[in-house]
Amino acid sequence: MLTSLANHILLTLAALATVGVDAAQKTKQLTACKLIISTYMNSVDVGSAPAAQSLLDWSNHVNDLRFDNSYKYVAYADLGAWSVRFTAWYTAGLLYRNEGDDMTNAKAAIENM
């Protein structure tokens, strides 16, 4: 069974993987996402990885400072004023943390992407 973290990551990947594709392709991509996440989560003992948790916390902290609440994107001028790439990663972190407005901001960011 998938852990809560895996479910949040799966939701983010699924949202990103299914933008602009037909129903049959969405089913294939969602199935592939679930298989990838399941395989990964079964191979990693997340509870014994405090460094990974520390990295996630730091990443969320940095992106909290760069998140533009009006546009729901992370501000980073790689190919414009905001970064879809960093927003996608931040969204997974928001879904995992799930505090305060995290869920609302994650949903809005996913809809924007």
Protein backbone atom coordinates (compact mmCIF):
# COMPACT_ATOMS: atom_id res chain seq x y z
CA MET A 1 0.00 0.00 0.00
CA LEU A 2 1.22 3.48 -0.82
CA THR A 3 2.23 5.79 2.02
CA SER A 4 0.80 9.26 2.43
CA LEU A 5 3.93 10.80 0.88
CA ALA A 6 3.66 8.51 -2.13
CA ASN A 7 0.00 9.39 -2.57
CA HIS A 8 0.81 13.11 -2.54
CA ILE A 9 3.65 12.67 -5.03
CA LEU A 10 1.40 10.51 -7.20
CA LEU A 11 -1.27 13.23 -7.21
CA THR A 12 1.27 15.82 -8.32
CA LEU A 13 2.78 13.60 -11.01
CA ALA A 14 -0.64 12.58 -12.24
CA ALA A 15 -1.76 16.17 -12.55
CA LEU A 16 1.35 17.11 -14.48
CA ALA A 17 1.39 13.97 -16.63
CA THR A 18 -2.20 14.27 -17.80
CA VAL A 19 -2.33 17.87 -18.94
CA GLY A 20 -3.63 18.05 -22.51
CA VAL A 21 -3.94 14.32 -23.23
CA ASP A 22 -6.96 12.18 -24.09
CA ALA A 23 -8.68 9.81 -21.63
CA ALA A 24 -6.92 6.63 -22.82
CA GLN A 25 -3.50 8.26 -22.53
CA LYS A 26 -4.36 9.64 -19.07
CA THR A 27 -5.12 6.10 -17.84
CA LYS A 28 -1.77 4.84 -19.13
CA GLN A 29 0.15 7.72 -17.57
CA LEU A 30 -1.61 7.45 -14.22
CA THR A 31 -0.91 3.71 -14.10
CA ALA A 32 2.75 4.33 -14.93
CA CYS A 33 3.00 7.01 -12.21
CA LYS A 34 1.51 4.70 -9.61
CA LEU A 35 3.89 1.88 -10.57
CA ILE A 36 6.93 4.17 -10.35
CA ILE A 37 5.93 5.57 -6.96
CA SER A 38 5.01 2.14 -5.56
CA THR A 39 8.30 0.65 -6.66
CA TYR A 40 10.28 3.52 -5.19
CA MET A 41 8.42 3.61 -1.86
CA ASN A 42 8.82 -0.14 -1.43
CA SER A 43 12.59 0.20 -1.87
CA VAL A 44 13.16 3.09 0.55
CA ASP A 45 12.76 3.18 4.32
CA VAL A 46 11.65 6.81 4.64
CA GLY A 47 11.54 6.62 8.44
CA SER A 48 15.28 6.03 8.65
CA ALA A 49 16.20 8.92 6.38
CA PRO A 50 16.38 12.08 8.51
CA ALA A 51 18.63 13.72 5.92
CA ALA A 52 15.89 13.36 3.30
CA GLN A 53 13.34 14.96 5.65
CA SER A 54 15.77 17.76 6.40
CA LEU A 55 16.30 18.38 2.68
CA LEU A 56 12.54 18.46 2.06
CA ASP A 57 12.03 20.90 4.95
CA TRP A 58 14.80 23.19 3.66
CA SER A 59 13.49 23.05 0.10
CA ASN A 60 10.00 23.97 1.29
CA HIS A 61 11.42 26.83 3.37
CA VAL A 62 13.33 28.28 0.40
CA ASN A 63 10.35 27.95 -1.92
CA ASP A 64 7.98 29.41 0.70
CA LEU A 65 10.01 32.60 0.39
CA ARG A 66 9.83 32.58 -3.44
CA PHE A 67 6.18 31.51 -3.84
CA ASP A 68 4.06 34.20 -5.49
CA ASN A 69 0.62 34.01 -3.87
CA SER A 70 -1.07 36.06 -6.57
CA TYR A 71 0.09 33.85 -9.48
CA LYS A 72 0.55 30.58 -7.51
CA TYR A 73 3.99 29.97 -9.05
CA VAL A 74 7.49 29.94 -7.59
CA ALA A 75 9.28 33.11 -8.65
CA TYR A 76 12.48 32.14 -10.44
CA ALA A 77 13.61 33.75 -13.64
CA ASP A 78 14.85 30.74 -15.60
CA LEU A 79 12.56 31.18 -18.63
CA GLY A 80 10.45 34.06 -17.44
CA ALA A 81 9.37 35.53 -14.12
CA TRP A 82 8.07 32.22 -12.70
CA SER A 83 9.26 28.64 -12.92
CA VAL A 84 6.89 25.78 -13.73
CA ARG A 85 9.68 23.31 -12.92
CA PHE A 86 10.29 24.65 -9.40
CA THR A 87 6.56 25.10 -8.84
CA ALA A 88 5.99 21.42 -9.68
CA TRP A 89 8.59 20.30 -7.14
CA TYR A 90 7.30 22.75 -4.55
CA THR A 91 3.76 21.44 -5.07
CA ALA A 92 4.87 17.95 -4.03
CA GLY A 93 6.43 19.47 -0.91
CA LEU A 94 3.25 21.40 -0.12
CA LEU A 95 1.13 18.28 -0.45
CA TYR A 96 3.47 16.36 1.82
CA ARG A 97 3.66 19.10 4.47
CA ASN A 98 -0.10 19.86 4.33
CA GLU A 99 -0.15 22.73 6.84
CA GLY A 100 -2.11 25.97 6.72
CA ASP A 101 -2.80 26.97 3.11
CA ASP A 102 -0.53 24.30 1.62
CA MET A 103 -3.33 22.25 0.07
CA THR A 104 -5.08 25.29 -1.40
CA ASN A 105 -1.83 26.64 -2.85
CA ALA A 106 -0.88 23.22 -4.23
CA LYS A 107 -4.25 22.79 -5.95
CA ALA A 108 -4.06 26.28 -7.45
CA ALA A 109 -0.51 25.68 -8.68
CA ILE A 110 -1.48 22.34 -10.23
CA GLU A 111 -4.42 23.97 -12.01
CA ASN A 112 -2.09 26.68 -13.34
CA MET A 113 0.41 24.21 -14.68
